[in-house]
Amino acid sequence: MKFFKGQDNARVYCKEVTRHDKTFVVIAVEVLEKKKQRRLTQKEINIIHRVASYEYTEIE
């Protein structure tokens, strides 16, 4: 997710999950304060892989 267009270019890396009842959930996991390049750097790629590998427990 990208916020504040034209400013610091902060990013929130998330994971999307669809529950059994077809409810779509977005889990915000990690924040990157500034993204300086147009392409993904190794730092961003590592964050994406880390977020994707997390296991989540549903709490209702």
C-alpha atoms as a PDB file:
ATOM      1  CA  MET A   1       0.000   0.000   0.000  1.00  0.00           C
ATOM      2  CA  LYS A   2       1.299   3.432  -0.880  1.00  0.00           C
ATOM      3  CA  PHE A   3       0.314   6.510   1.131  1.00  0.00           C
ATOM      4  CA  PHE A   4       0.883  10.248   0.805  1.00  0.00           C
ATOM      5  CA  LYS A   5       1.441  10.574  -2.929  1.00  0.00           C
ATOM      6  CA  GLY A   6       4.193  13.095  -3.635  1.00  0.00           C
ATOM      7  CA  GLN A   7       5.586  13.063  -0.092  1.00  0.00           C
ATOM      8  CA  ASP A   8       7.867  10.629   1.793  1.00  0.00           C
ATOM      9  CA  ASN A   9       6.636   7.644  -0.228  1.00  0.00           C
ATOM     10  CA  ALA A  10       6.017   5.451   2.848  1.00  0.00           C
ATOM     11  CA  ARG A  11       4.904   1.869   2.205  1.00  0.00           C
ATOM     12  CA  VAL A  12       3.015  -0.666   4.301  1.00  0.00           C
ATOM     13  CA  TYR A  13       3.670  -4.244   3.266  1.00  0.00           C
ATOM     14  CA  CYS A  14       0.597  -6.425   3.804  1.00  0.00           C
ATOM     15  CA  LYS A  15      -0.680  -9.937   3.364  1.00  0.00           C
ATOM     16  CA  GLU A  16      -4.118 -10.654   1.911  1.00  0.00           C
ATOM     17  CA  VAL A  17      -6.108 -13.556   3.359  1.00  0.00           C
ATOM     18  CA  THR A  18      -9.522 -14.930   2.388  1.00  0.00           C
ATOM     19  CA  ARG A  19     -11.349 -16.562   5.304  1.00  0.00           C
ATOM     20  CA  HIS A  20     -13.605 -19.625   5.099  1.00  0.00           C
ATOM     21  CA  ASP A  21     -16.728 -17.454   4.904  1.00  0.00           C
ATOM     22  CA  LYS A  22     -15.259 -15.592   1.867  1.00  0.00           C
ATOM     23  CA  THR A  23     -14.357 -12.534   3.984  1.00  0.00           C
ATOM     24  CA  PHE A  24     -11.327 -10.759   2.563  1.00  0.00           C
ATOM     25  CA  VAL A  25      -8.800  -9.623   5.207  1.00  0.00           C
ATOM     26  CA  VAL A  26      -5.727  -7.425   4.780  1.00  0.00           C
ATOM     27  CA  ILE A  27      -3.106  -7.846   7.492  1.00  0.00           C
ATOM     28  CA  ALA A  28      -0.720  -4.888   7.816  1.00  0.00           C
ATOM     29  CA  VAL A  29       2.651  -6.272   8.767  1.00  0.00           C
ATOM     30  CA  GLU A  30       5.649  -4.043   8.133  1.00  0.00           C
ATOM     31  CA  VAL A  31       6.250  -0.355   7.399  1.00  0.00           C
ATOM     32  CA  LEU A  32       8.988   1.070   5.186  1.00  0.00           C
ATOM     33  CA  GLU A  33       9.272   4.808   5.858  1.00  0.00           C
ATOM     34  CA  LYS A  34      10.789   5.793   2.515  1.00  0.00           C
ATOM     35  CA  LYS A  35      11.054   4.064  -0.820  1.00  0.00           C
ATOM     36  CA  LYS A  36      13.583   5.916  -2.929  1.00  0.00           C
ATOM     37  CA  GLN A  37      13.752   3.968  -6.196  1.00  0.00           C
ATOM     38  CA  ARG A  38      11.162   3.069  -8.766  1.00  0.00           C
ATOM     39  CA  ARG A  39      12.256  -0.578  -8.898  1.00  0.00           C
ATOM     40  CA  LEU A  40      12.301  -2.950  -5.936  1.00  0.00           C
ATOM     41  CA  THR A  41      15.619  -3.123  -4.131  1.00  0.00           C
ATOM     42  CA  GLN A  42      16.854  -6.221  -2.324  1.00  0.00           C
ATOM     43  CA  LYS A  43      15.643  -4.651   0.943  1.00  0.00           C
ATOM     44  CA  GLU A  44      12.042  -4.459  -0.314  1.00  0.00           C
ATOM     45  CA  ILE A  45      12.215  -7.955  -1.805  1.00  0.00           C
ATOM     46  CA  ASN A  46      13.375  -9.318   1.573  1.00  0.00           C
ATOM     47  CA  ILE A  47      10.468  -7.571   3.328  1.00  0.00           C
ATOM     48  CA  ILE A  48       7.967  -9.041   0.841  1.00  0.00           C
ATOM     49  CA  HIS A  49       9.332 -12.568   1.315  1.00  0.00           C
ATOM     50  CA  ARG A  50       9.360 -12.166   5.102  1.00  0.00           C
ATOM     51  CA  VAL A  51       5.744 -10.938   5.181  1.00  0.00           C
ATOM     52  CA  ALA A  52       4.643 -13.779   2.892  1.00  0.00           C
ATOM     53  CA  SER A  53       6.276 -16.397   5.119  1.00  0.00           C
ATOM     54  CA  TYR A  54       4.543 -15.343   8.374  1.00  0.00           C
ATOM     55  CA  GLU A  55       1.837 -17.616   9.787  1.00  0.00           C
ATOM     56  CA  TYR A  56      -1.297 -15.929  11.174  1.00  0.00           C
ATOM     57  CA  THR A  57      -3.865 -17.067  13.712  1.00  0.00           C
ATOM     58  CA  GLU A  58      -7.422 -15.812  13.406  1.00  0.00           C
ATOM     59  CA  ILE A  59      -8.948 -14.239  16.506  1.00  0.00           C
ATOM     60  CA  GLU A  60     -12.640 -13.503  16.422  1.00  0.00           C
END
